[in-house]
Amino acid sequence: HVDIEKGKMAAALNRLVGIGAGLAITGAVINSTLYNVDGGERAVIFDRFRGVLPTVSGEGTHFLIPWVQRPIMFSIRSKPRRVPVVTGSKDLQNVDITLRILFRPLEQKLPFIYANIGVDYDERVLPSITTEVLKAVVAEFDASELITQREVVSQRVNELLTERAETFGLLLDDISITHLSFGREFTEAVEMKQVAQQEAERARFVVEKAEQIKQAAIISSSGDSQAADLLSKAFQEAGDGLIELRRLEAAEDIASTLSRSRNVAYLPGGGQNLLLSIPP
């Protein structure tokens, strides 16, 4: 009887083990048929028999055929990238320019991107097309125009680079020139030009100042001439009377000044007033 009970228990355990193993295998198979696409991502399916499928899977959980199909994840969020380029301007000046690009892949172009470029599409595409476009655009402008017409240059780069990127399935959200510098010779020439302009401004100021002094002297001379003419006319009309009047006024001023001095004594008498200078 005890052996019978043990046999039943062993059979039950074997059945439980078999059920557990079956469930584990079933779960593994089911899990292998599912894949998740997180937010901001898209999936491209590679089929061992048909190659890259043209459909793109969005966010969520999806089914696939185990061991036959494999999902490849792509981020569709915008990502920044800086591309430095050294090229030449229209007047053969060396130009060091850096472009900042904000890019993302076009969702409907992901199968094309994976089949023809790969998951590292940004490393393969952006540096080459950016260098190509920048060399072409910078060669259209002189070095000085690159500074004075920077907005025009940026707009031209934006148009050409956006057009080139679309052929590879990329969308450029923003393009901006973050750095622009020139060779040592051009920089020195610009500095010398600025110094020459400052010297010219200083010389122009000196000339204008001399001209103002000249005009002031002319006006002063004209005023003195007019005053002399007025005095001459007054002498002709009043004769020596005006001179005598001016002499008396001057004598009065002198007497008033001397009378306030401590070293001068005033002595009245005999109808004549005397001013004596007494040493201190």
C-alpha atoms as a PDB file:
ATOM      1  CA  HIS A   1       0.000   0.000   0.000  1.00  0.00           C
ATOM      2  CA  VAL A   2       2.846   2.412   0.883  1.00  0.00           C
ATOM      3  CA  ASP A   3       4.600   1.641  -2.409  1.00  0.00           C
ATOM      4  CA  ILE A   4       1.420   2.396  -4.306  1.00  0.00           C
ATOM      5  CA  GLU A   5       1.091   5.782  -2.590  1.00  0.00           C
ATOM      6  CA  LYS A   6       4.718   6.601  -3.350  1.00  0.00           C
ATOM      7  CA  GLY A   7       4.211   5.675  -6.989  1.00  0.00           C
ATOM      8  CA  LYS A   8       1.215   7.979  -7.244  1.00  0.00           C
ATOM      9  CA  MET A   9       3.129  10.854  -5.697  1.00  0.00           C
ATOM     10  CA  ALA A  10       6.074  10.320  -8.040  1.00  0.00           C
ATOM     11  CA  ALA A  11       3.745  10.267 -11.023  1.00  0.00           C
ATOM     12  CA  ALA A  12       2.091  13.495  -9.835  1.00  0.00           C
ATOM     13  CA  LEU A  13       5.474  15.164  -9.415  1.00  0.00           C
ATOM     14  CA  ASN A  14       6.549  14.026 -12.845  1.00  0.00           C
ATOM     15  CA  ARG A  15       3.360  15.454 -14.301  1.00  0.00           C
ATOM     16  CA  LEU A  16       3.986  18.778 -12.498  1.00  0.00           C
ATOM     17  CA  VAL A  17       7.564  18.886 -13.758  1.00  0.00           C
ATOM     18  CA  GLY A  18       6.372  18.169 -17.273  1.00  0.00           C
ATOM     19  CA  ILE A  19       3.716  20.855 -17.041  1.00  0.00           C
ATOM     20  CA  GLY A  20       6.254  23.358 -15.679  1.00  0.00           C
ATOM     21  CA  ALA A  21       8.734  22.527 -18.415  1.00  0.00           C
ATOM     22  CA  GLY A  22       6.008  22.831 -21.021  1.00  0.00           C
ATOM     23  CA  LEU A  23       4.929  26.176 -19.643  1.00  0.00           C
ATOM     24  CA  ALA A  24       8.546  27.403 -19.571  1.00  0.00           C
ATOM     25  CA  ILE A  25       9.103  26.312 -23.154  1.00  0.00           C
ATOM     26  CA  THR A  26       5.806  27.843 -24.191  1.00  0.00           C
ATOM     27  CA  GLY A  27       6.671  31.088 -22.423  1.00  0.00           C
ATOM     28  CA  ALA A  28      10.087  31.182 -24.054  1.00  0.00           C
ATOM     29  CA  VAL A  29       8.550  30.613 -27.470  1.00  0.00           C
ATOM     30  CA  ILE A  30       5.908  33.273 -26.901  1.00  0.00           C
ATOM     31  CA  ASN A  31       8.511  35.691 -25.565  1.00  0.00           C
ATOM     32  CA  SER A  32      10.673  35.099 -28.624  1.00  0.00           C
ATOM     33  CA  THR A  33       7.747  36.081 -30.843  1.00  0.00           C
ATOM     34  CA  LEU A  34       7.301  39.460 -29.115  1.00  0.00           C
ATOM     35  CA  TYR A  35       9.389  42.618 -29.158  1.00  0.00           C
ATOM     36  CA  ASN A  36       8.861  46.082 -27.687  1.00  0.00           C
ATOM     37  CA  VAL A  37       9.437  49.476 -29.312  1.00  0.00           C
ATOM     38  CA  ASP A  38      10.041  52.228 -26.758  1.00  0.00           C
ATOM     39  CA  GLY A  39       8.958  55.835 -27.020  1.00  0.00           C
ATOM     40  CA  GLY A  40      10.931  57.880 -29.541  1.00  0.00           C
ATOM     41  CA  GLU A  41      12.009  54.740 -31.420  1.00  0.00           C
ATOM     42  CA  ARG A  42      10.965  52.809 -34.513  1.00  0.00           C
ATOM     43  CA  ALA A  43      11.786  49.236 -35.576  1.00  0.00           C
ATOM     44  CA  VAL A  44      12.776  47.815 -38.938  1.00  0.00           C
ATOM     45  CA  ILE A  45      12.322  44.049 -39.459  1.00  0.00           C
ATOM     46  CA  PHE A  46      15.000  41.968 -41.140  1.00  0.00           C
ATOM     47  CA  ASP A  47      13.680  38.675 -42.577  1.00  0.00           C
ATOM     48  CA  ARG A  48      16.153  35.893 -43.304  1.00  0.00           C
ATOM     49  CA  PHE A  49      14.275  34.963 -46.471  1.00  0.00           C
ATOM     50  CA  ARG A  50      12.894  38.305 -47.737  1.00  0.00           C
ATOM     51  CA  GLY A  51      15.519  40.746 -46.462  1.00  0.00           C
ATOM     52  CA  VAL A  52      14.576  44.144 -45.006  1.00  0.00           C
ATOM     53  CA  LEU A  53      10.798  44.486 -44.865  1.00  0.00           C
ATOM     54  CA  PRO A  54       9.323  47.799 -46.117  1.00  0.00           C
ATOM     55  CA  THR A  55       7.130  48.276 -43.048  1.00  0.00           C
ATOM     56  CA  VAL A  56       8.161  50.244 -39.958  1.00  0.00           C
ATOM     57  CA  SER A  57       6.910  49.278 -36.496  1.00  0.00           C
ATOM     58  CA  GLY A  58       5.809  52.053 -34.165  1.00  0.00           C
ATOM     59  CA  GLU A  59       5.804  52.242 -30.378  1.00  0.00           C
ATOM     60  CA  GLY A  60       4.356  49.281 -28.464  1.00  0.00           C
ATOM     61  CA  THR A  61       4.570  45.461 -28.493  1.00  0.00           C
ATOM     62  CA  HIS A  62       4.676  43.587 -31.817  1.00  0.00           C
ATOM     63  CA  PHE A  63       4.900  39.989 -33.095  1.00  0.00           C
ATOM     64  CA  LEU A  64       7.593  38.428 -35.266  1.00  0.00           C
ATOM     65  CA  ILE A  65       8.607  34.969 -36.467  1.00  0.00           C
ATOM     66  CA  PRO A  66      11.279  33.591 -34.129  1.00  0.00           C
ATOM     67  CA  TRP A  67      14.673  32.765 -35.666  1.00  0.00           C
ATOM     68  CA  VAL A  68      13.437  34.107 -39.009  1.00  0.00           C
ATOM     69  CA  GLN A  69      12.825  37.769 -38.297  1.00  0.00           C
ATOM     70  CA  ARG A  70      14.904  40.236 -36.244  1.00  0.00           C
ATOM     71  CA  PRO A  71      13.984  43.794 -35.187  1.00  0.00           C
ATOM     72  CA  ILE A  72      16.499  46.689 -35.622  1.00  0.00           C
ATOM     73  CA  MET A  73      15.801  49.727 -33.474  1.00  0.00           C
ATOM     74  CA  PHE A  74      16.235  53.328 -34.649  1.00  0.00           C
ATOM     75  CA  SER A  75      15.852  56.520 -32.602  1.00  0.00           C
ATOM     76  CA  ILE A  76      13.745  59.173 -34.324  1.00  0.00           C
ATOM     77  CA  ARG A  77      14.551  61.896 -31.781  1.00  0.00           C
ATOM     78  CA  SER A  78      16.527  64.908 -32.970  1.00  0.00           C
ATOM     79  CA  LYS A  79      20.251  64.645 -32.221  1.00  0.00           C
ATOM     80  CA  PRO A  80      22.952  67.336 -32.484  1.00  0.00           C
ATOM     81  CA  ARG A  81      26.227  66.977 -34.352  1.00  0.00           C
ATOM     82  CA  ARG A  82      29.122  69.384 -34.964  1.00  0.00           C
ATOM     83  CA  VAL A  83      31.068  69.146 -38.216  1.00  0.00           C
ATOM     84  CA  PRO A  84      34.312  71.202 -38.534  1.00  0.00           C
ATOM     85  CA  VAL A  85      35.579  71.944 -42.058  1.00  0.00           C
ATOM     86  CA  VAL A  86      38.681  73.753 -43.325  1.00  0.00           C
ATOM     87  CA  THR A  87      38.236  75.133 -46.831  1.00  0.00           C
ATOM     88  CA  GLY A  88      39.073  78.108 -49.061  1.00  0.00           C
ATOM     89  CA  SER A  89      37.147  81.270 -49.905  1.00  0.00           C
ATOM     90  CA  LYS A  90      36.702  82.894 -53.303  1.00  0.00           C
ATOM     91  CA  ASP A  91      39.797  85.077 -52.747  1.00  0.00           C
ATOM     92  CA  LEU A  92      41.833  81.980 -51.710  1.00  0.00           C
ATOM     93  CA  GLN A  93      41.786  82.664 -47.947  1.00  0.00           C
ATOM     94  CA  ASN A  94      41.837  79.708 -45.545  1.00  0.00           C
ATOM     95  CA  VAL A  95      38.530  79.432 -43.684  1.00  0.00           C
ATOM     96  CA  ASP A  96      37.940  77.334 -40.558  1.00  0.00           C
ATOM     97  CA  ILE A  97      34.185  76.864 -40.194  1.00  0.00           C
ATOM     98  CA  THR A  98      32.115  74.666 -37.865  1.00  0.00           C
ATOM     99  CA  LEU A  99      28.499  73.721 -38.505  1.00  0.00           C
ATOM    100  CA  ARG A 100      26.045  72.526 -35.843  1.00  0.00           C
ATOM    101  CA  ILE A 101      23.320  70.263 -37.227  1.00  0.00           C
ATOM    102  CA  LEU A 102      20.181  69.035 -35.467  1.00  0.00           C
ATOM    103  CA  PHE A 103      19.008  65.945 -37.406  1.00  0.00           C
ATOM    104  CA  ARG A 104      16.764  62.884 -37.302  1.00  0.00           C
ATOM    105  CA  PRO A 105      15.870  60.107 -39.747  1.00  0.00           C
ATOM    106  CA  LEU A 106      12.628  60.153 -41.689  1.00  0.00           C
ATOM    107  CA  GLU A 107      10.417  57.365 -40.361  1.00  0.00           C
ATOM    108  CA  GLN A 108       9.285  56.121 -43.780  1.00  0.00           C
ATOM    109  CA  LYS A 109      12.908  56.038 -44.978  1.00  0.00           C
ATOM    110  CA  LEU A 110      14.213  53.764 -42.203  1.00  0.00           C
ATOM    111  CA  PRO A 111      14.147  50.545 -44.301  1.00  0.00           C
ATOM    112  CA  PHE A 112      16.120  52.350 -47.037  1.00  0.00           C
ATOM    113  CA  ILE A 113      18.591  53.729 -44.480  1.00  0.00           C
ATOM    114  CA  TYR A 114      19.218  50.311 -42.911  1.00  0.00           C
ATOM    115  CA  ALA A 115      19.495  48.478 -46.221  1.00  0.00           C
ATOM    116  CA  ASN A 116      21.787  51.021 -47.937  1.00  0.00           C
ATOM    117  CA  ILE A 117      23.665  52.893 -45.169  1.00  0.00           C
ATOM    118  CA  GLY A 118      23.355  51.112 -41.836  1.00  0.00           C
ATOM    119  CA  VAL A 119      22.542  52.001 -38.264  1.00  0.00           C
ATOM    120  CA  ASP A 120      25.558  54.360 -38.118  1.00  0.00           C
ATOM    121  CA  TYR A 121      24.112  56.486 -40.922  1.00  0.00           C
ATOM    122  CA  ASP A 122      25.016  59.769 -39.176  1.00  0.00           C
ATOM    123  CA  GLU A 123      28.717  58.854 -39.105  1.00  0.00           C
ATOM    124  CA  ARG A 124      28.701  57.897 -42.773  1.00  0.00           C
ATOM    125  CA  VAL A 125      26.503  60.607 -44.261  1.00  0.00           C
ATOM    126  CA  LEU A 126      26.644  63.877 -42.314  1.00  0.00           C
ATOM    127  CA  PRO A 127      30.412  64.573 -42.389  1.00  0.00           C
ATOM    128  CA  SER A 128      30.673  63.928 -46.124  1.00  0.00           C
ATOM    129  CA  ILE A 129      27.660  65.947 -47.300  1.00  0.00           C
ATOM    130  CA  THR A 130      28.415  68.783 -44.848  1.00  0.00           C
ATOM    131  CA  THR A 131      31.992  69.068 -46.113  1.00  0.00           C
ATOM    132  CA  GLU A 132      30.784  68.982 -49.706  1.00  0.00           C
ATOM    133  CA  VAL A 133      28.179  71.711 -49.207  1.00  0.00           C
ATOM    134  CA  LEU A 134      30.408  73.989 -47.102  1.00  0.00           C
ATOM    135  CA  LYS A 135      33.259  73.841 -49.619  1.00  0.00           C
ATOM    136  CA  ALA A 136      30.852  74.736 -52.434  1.00  0.00           C
ATOM    137  CA  VAL A 137      29.177  77.620 -50.582  1.00  0.00           C
ATOM    138  CA  VAL A 138      32.309  79.166 -49.048  1.00  0.00           C
ATOM    139  CA  ALA A 139      33.968  79.200 -52.478  1.00  0.00           C
ATOM    140  CA  GLU A 140      31.202  81.582 -53.681  1.00  0.00           C
ATOM    141  CA  PHE A 141      32.150  84.355 -51.237  1.00  0.00           C
ATOM    142  CA  ASP A 142      35.214  86.445 -50.415  1.00  0.00           C
ATOM    143  CA  ALA A 143      36.579  86.290 -46.874  1.00  0.00           C
ATOM    144  CA  SER A 144      35.175  89.721 -46.038  1.00  0.00           C
ATOM    145  CA  GLU A 145      31.764  88.742 -47.458  1.00  0.00           C
ATOM    146  CA  LEU A 146      31.672  85.687 -45.204  1.00  0.00           C
ATOM    147  CA  ILE A 147      31.724  88.116 -42.262  1.00  0.00           C
ATOM    148  CA  THR A 148      29.442  90.860 -43.565  1.00  0.00           C
ATOM    149  CA  GLN A 149      26.958  88.476 -45.252  1.00  0.00           C
ATOM    150  CA  ARG A 150      26.923  85.699 -42.660  1.00  0.00           C
ATOM    151  CA  GLU A 151      23.130  85.370 -42.732  1.00  0.00           C
ATOM    152  CA  VAL A 152      23.179  84.922 -46.516  1.00  0.00           C
ATOM    153  CA  VAL A 153      25.898  82.278 -46.220  1.00  0.00           C
ATOM    154  CA  SER A 154      23.963  80.446 -43.500  1.00  0.00           C
ATOM    155  CA  GLN A 155      20.777  80.481 -45.573  1.00  0.00           C
ATOM    156  CA  ARG A 156      22.607  79.151 -48.623  1.00  0.00           C
ATOM    157  CA  VAL A 157      24.164  76.322 -46.595  1.00  0.00           C
ATOM    158  CA  ASN A 158      20.774  75.515 -45.080  1.00  0.00           C
ATOM    159  CA  GLU A 159      19.092  75.165 -48.469  1.00  0.00           C
ATOM    160  CA  LEU A 160      21.765  73.004 -50.087  1.00  0.00           C
ATOM    161  CA  LEU A 161      22.416  70.794 -47.066  1.00  0.00           C
ATOM    162  CA  THR A 162      18.710  70.146 -46.444  1.00  0.00           C
ATOM    163  CA  GLU A 163      18.294  69.121 -50.077  1.00  0.00           C
ATOM    164  CA  ARG A 164      21.296  66.768 -49.937  1.00  0.00           C
ATOM    165  CA  ALA A 165      20.208  65.204 -46.628  1.00  0.00           C
ATOM    166  CA  GLU A 166      16.747  64.366 -47.947  1.00  0.00           C
ATOM    167  CA  THR A 167      18.274  62.087 -50.588  1.00  0.00           C
ATOM    168  CA  PHE A 168      19.644  59.953 -47.735  1.00  0.00           C
ATOM    169  CA  GLY A 169      16.399  59.962 -45.746  1.00  0.00           C
ATOM    170  CA  LEU A 170      17.486  62.548 -43.161  1.00  0.00           C
ATOM    171  CA  LEU A 171      15.556  65.560 -41.901  1.00  0.00           C
ATOM    172  CA  LEU A 172      17.572  68.552 -40.645  1.00  0.00           C
ATOM    173  CA  ASP A 173      15.648  70.494 -37.990  1.00  0.00           C
ATOM    174  CA  ASP A 174      18.272  73.207 -37.485  1.00  0.00           C
ATOM    175  CA  ILE A 175      21.550  74.292 -39.097  1.00  0.00           C
ATOM    176  CA  SER A 176      23.759  77.026 -37.682  1.00  0.00           C
ATOM    177  CA  ILE A 177      27.324  78.291 -38.099  1.00  0.00           C
ATOM    178  CA  THR A 178      28.898  78.179 -34.638  1.00  0.00           C
ATOM    179  CA  HIS A 179      32.505  79.026 -35.531  1.00  0.00           C
ATOM    180  CA  LEU A 180      34.126  81.037 -38.322  1.00  0.00           C
ATOM    181  CA  SER A 181      37.787  82.034 -38.425  1.00  0.00           C
ATOM    182  CA  PHE A 182      40.442  82.777 -41.033  1.00  0.00           C
ATOM    183  CA  GLY A 183      44.141  82.258 -41.624  1.00  0.00           C
ATOM    184  CA  ARG A 184      46.834  84.250 -39.844  1.00  0.00           C
ATOM    185  CA  GLU A 185      47.616  86.403 -42.901  1.00  0.00           C
ATOM    186  CA  PHE A 186      44.015  87.521 -43.325  1.00  0.00           C
ATOM    187  CA  THR A 187      43.618  88.178 -39.589  1.00  0.00           C
ATOM    188  CA  GLU A 188      46.734  90.367 -39.582  1.00  0.00           C
ATOM    189  CA  ALA A 189      45.492  92.216 -42.665  1.00  0.00           C
ATOM    190  CA  VAL A 190      42.158  92.917 -40.959  1.00  0.00           C
ATOM    191  CA  GLU A 191      43.946  94.231 -37.863  1.00  0.00           C
ATOM    192  CA  MET A 192      46.161  96.487 -40.000  1.00  0.00           C
ATOM    193  CA  LYS A 193      43.093  97.775 -41.820  1.00  0.00           C
ATOM    194  CA  GLN A 194      41.400  98.602 -38.512  1.00  0.00           C
ATOM    195  CA  VAL A 195      44.528 100.451 -37.343  1.00  0.00           C
ATOM    196  CA  ALA A 196      44.644 102.406 -40.619  1.00  0.00           C
ATOM    197  CA  GLN A 197      40.975 103.334 -40.238  1.00  0.00           C
ATOM    198  CA  GLN A 198      41.610 104.576 -36.705  1.00  0.00           C
ATOM    199  CA  GLU A 199      44.587 106.622 -37.928  1.00  0.00           C
ATOM    200  CA  ALA A 200      42.423 108.109 -40.701  1.00  0.00           C
ATOM    201  CA  GLU A 201      39.708 109.014 -38.199  1.00  0.00           C
ATOM    202  CA  ARG A 202      42.290 110.659 -35.945  1.00  0.00           C
ATOM    203  CA  ALA A 203      43.746 112.645 -38.867  1.00  0.00           C
ATOM    204  CA  ARG A 204      40.270 113.741 -39.940  1.00  0.00           C
ATOM    205  CA  PHE A 205      39.604 114.981 -36.407  1.00  0.00           C
ATOM    206  CA  VAL A 206      42.864 116.967 -36.395  1.00  0.00           C
ATOM    207  CA  VAL A 207      41.989 118.551 -39.767  1.00  0.00           C
ATOM    208  CA  GLU A 208      38.492 119.453 -38.581  1.00  0.00           C
ATOM    209  CA  LYS A 209      39.915 120.959 -35.385  1.00  0.00           C
ATOM    210  CA  ALA A 210      42.448 123.048 -37.361  1.00  0.00           C
ATOM    211  CA  GLU A 211      39.669 124.215 -39.670  1.00  0.00           C
ATOM    212  CA  GLN A 212      37.567 125.266 -36.677  1.00  0.00           C
ATOM    213  CA  ILE A 213      40.532 127.178 -35.176  1.00  0.00           C
ATOM    214  CA  LYS A 214      41.063 128.871 -38.539  1.00  0.00           C
ATOM    215  CA  GLN A 215      37.420 129.881 -38.752  1.00  0.00           C
ATOM    216  CA  ALA A 216      37.570 131.227 -35.172  1.00  0.00           C
ATOM    217  CA  ALA A 217      40.664 133.282 -36.030  1.00  0.00           C
ATOM    218  CA  ILE A 218      38.945 134.706 -39.115  1.00  0.00           C
ATOM    219  CA  ILE A 219      35.898 135.648 -37.085  1.00  0.00           C
ATOM    220  CA  SER A 220      38.074 137.221 -34.372  1.00  0.00           C
ATOM    221  CA  SER A 221      40.057 139.205 -36.964  1.00  0.00           C
ATOM    222  CA  SER A 222      36.854 140.361 -38.576  1.00  0.00           C
ATOM    223  CA  GLY A 223      35.590 141.523 -35.162  1.00  0.00           C
ATOM    224  CA  ASP A 224      38.841 143.411 -34.432  1.00  0.00           C
ATOM    225  CA  SER A 225      38.674 145.060 -37.849  1.00  0.00           C
ATOM    226  CA  GLN A 226      35.111 146.153 -37.272  1.00  0.00           C
ATOM    227  CA  ALA A 227      36.056 147.527 -33.834  1.00  0.00           C
ATOM    228  CA  ALA A 228      38.970 149.463 -35.349  1.00  0.00           C
ATOM    229  CA  ASP A 229      36.666 150.918 -37.996  1.00  0.00           C
ATOM    230  CA  LEU A 230      34.205 152.000 -35.325  1.00  0.00           C
ATOM    231  CA  LEU A 231      37.008 153.649 -33.288  1.00  0.00           C
ATOM    232  CA  SER A 232      38.314 155.425 -36.383  1.00  0.00           C
ATOM    233  CA  LYS A 233      34.879 156.787 -37.148  1.00  0.00           C
ATOM    234  CA  ALA A 234      34.464 157.900 -33.527  1.00  0.00           C
ATOM    235  CA  PHE A 235      37.817 159.736 -33.636  1.00  0.00           C
ATOM    236  CA  GLN A 236      36.835 161.486 -36.853  1.00  0.00           C
ATOM    237  CA  GLU A 237      33.528 162.612 -35.424  1.00  0.00           C
ATOM    238  CA  ALA A 238      34.619 163.570 -31.868  1.00  0.00           C
ATOM    239  CA  GLY A 239      38.204 164.658 -32.592  1.00  0.00           C
ATOM    240  CA  ASP A 240      40.594 164.610 -29.580  1.00  0.00           C
ATOM    241  CA  GLY A 241      37.761 164.754 -27.107  1.00  0.00           C
ATOM    242  CA  LEU A 242      37.302 160.984 -27.109  1.00  0.00           C
ATOM    243  CA  ILE A 243      41.035 160.439 -26.507  1.00  0.00           C
ATOM    244  CA  GLU A 244      40.995 162.908 -23.623  1.00  0.00           C
ATOM    245  CA  LEU A 245      37.975 161.183 -22.137  1.00  0.00           C
ATOM    246  CA  ARG A 246      39.700 157.781 -22.300  1.00  0.00           C
ATOM    247  CA  ARG A 247      42.859 159.331 -20.714  1.00  0.00           C
ATOM    248  CA  LEU A 248      40.875 160.733 -17.809  1.00  0.00           C
ATOM    249  CA  GLU A 249      39.097 157.433 -17.253  1.00  0.00           C
ATOM    250  CA  ALA A 250      42.442 155.633 -17.192  1.00  0.00           C
ATOM    251  CA  ALA A 251      43.907 158.194 -14.735  1.00  0.00           C
ATOM    252  CA  GLU A 252      40.914 157.769 -12.491  1.00  0.00           C
ATOM    253  CA  ASP A 253      41.352 154.006 -12.445  1.00  0.00           C
ATOM    254  CA  ILE A 254      45.056 154.347 -11.634  1.00  0.00           C
ATOM    255  CA  ALA A 255      44.398 156.819  -8.786  1.00  0.00           C
ATOM    256  CA  SER A 256      41.716 154.570  -7.335  1.00  0.00           C
ATOM    257  CA  THR A 257      44.069 151.587  -7.362  1.00  0.00           C
ATOM    258  CA  LEU A 258      46.928 153.506  -5.766  1.00  0.00           C
ATOM    259  CA  SER A 259      44.745 154.996  -3.060  1.00  0.00           C
ATOM    260  CA  ARG A 260      43.924 151.502  -1.788  1.00  0.00           C
ATOM    261  CA  SER A 261      47.571 150.609  -1.436  1.00  0.00           C
ATOM    262  CA  ARG A 262      49.158 150.725   2.053  1.00  0.00           C
ATOM    263  CA  ASN A 263      52.441 152.119   0.693  1.00  0.00           C
ATOM    264  CA  VAL A 264      50.881 155.202  -0.923  1.00  0.00           C
ATOM    265  CA  ALA A 265      49.939 158.359   1.071  1.00  0.00           C
ATOM    266  CA  TYR A 266      47.466 160.969  -0.131  1.00  0.00           C
ATOM    267  CA  LEU A 267      48.446 164.642   0.613  1.00  0.00           C
ATOM    268  CA  PRO A 268      45.892 167.324  -0.166  1.00  0.00           C
ATOM    269  CA  GLY A 269      46.870 170.984  -0.439  1.00  0.00           C
ATOM    270  CA  GLY A 270      47.565 173.960  -2.686  1.00  0.00           C
ATOM    271  CA  GLY A 271      44.897 173.029  -5.108  1.00  0.00           C
ATOM    272  CA  GLN A 272      46.913 169.925  -6.063  1.00  0.00           C
ATOM    273  CA  ASN A 273      46.520 166.529  -4.537  1.00  0.00           C
ATOM    274  CA  LEU A 274      49.697 164.405  -4.168  1.00  0.00           C
ATOM    275  CA  LEU A 275      50.117 160.681  -3.982  1.00  0.00           C
ATOM    276  CA  LEU A 276      53.381 159.722  -2.285  1.00  0.00           C
ATOM    277  CA  SER A 277      54.853 156.262  -2.430  1.00  0.00           C
ATOM    278  CA  ILE A 278      56.275 155.379   0.999  1.00  0.00           C
ATOM    279  CA  PRO A 279      58.642 152.395   1.188  1.00  0.00           C
ATOM    280  CA  PRO A 280      57.416 149.646   3.472  1.00  0.00           C
END
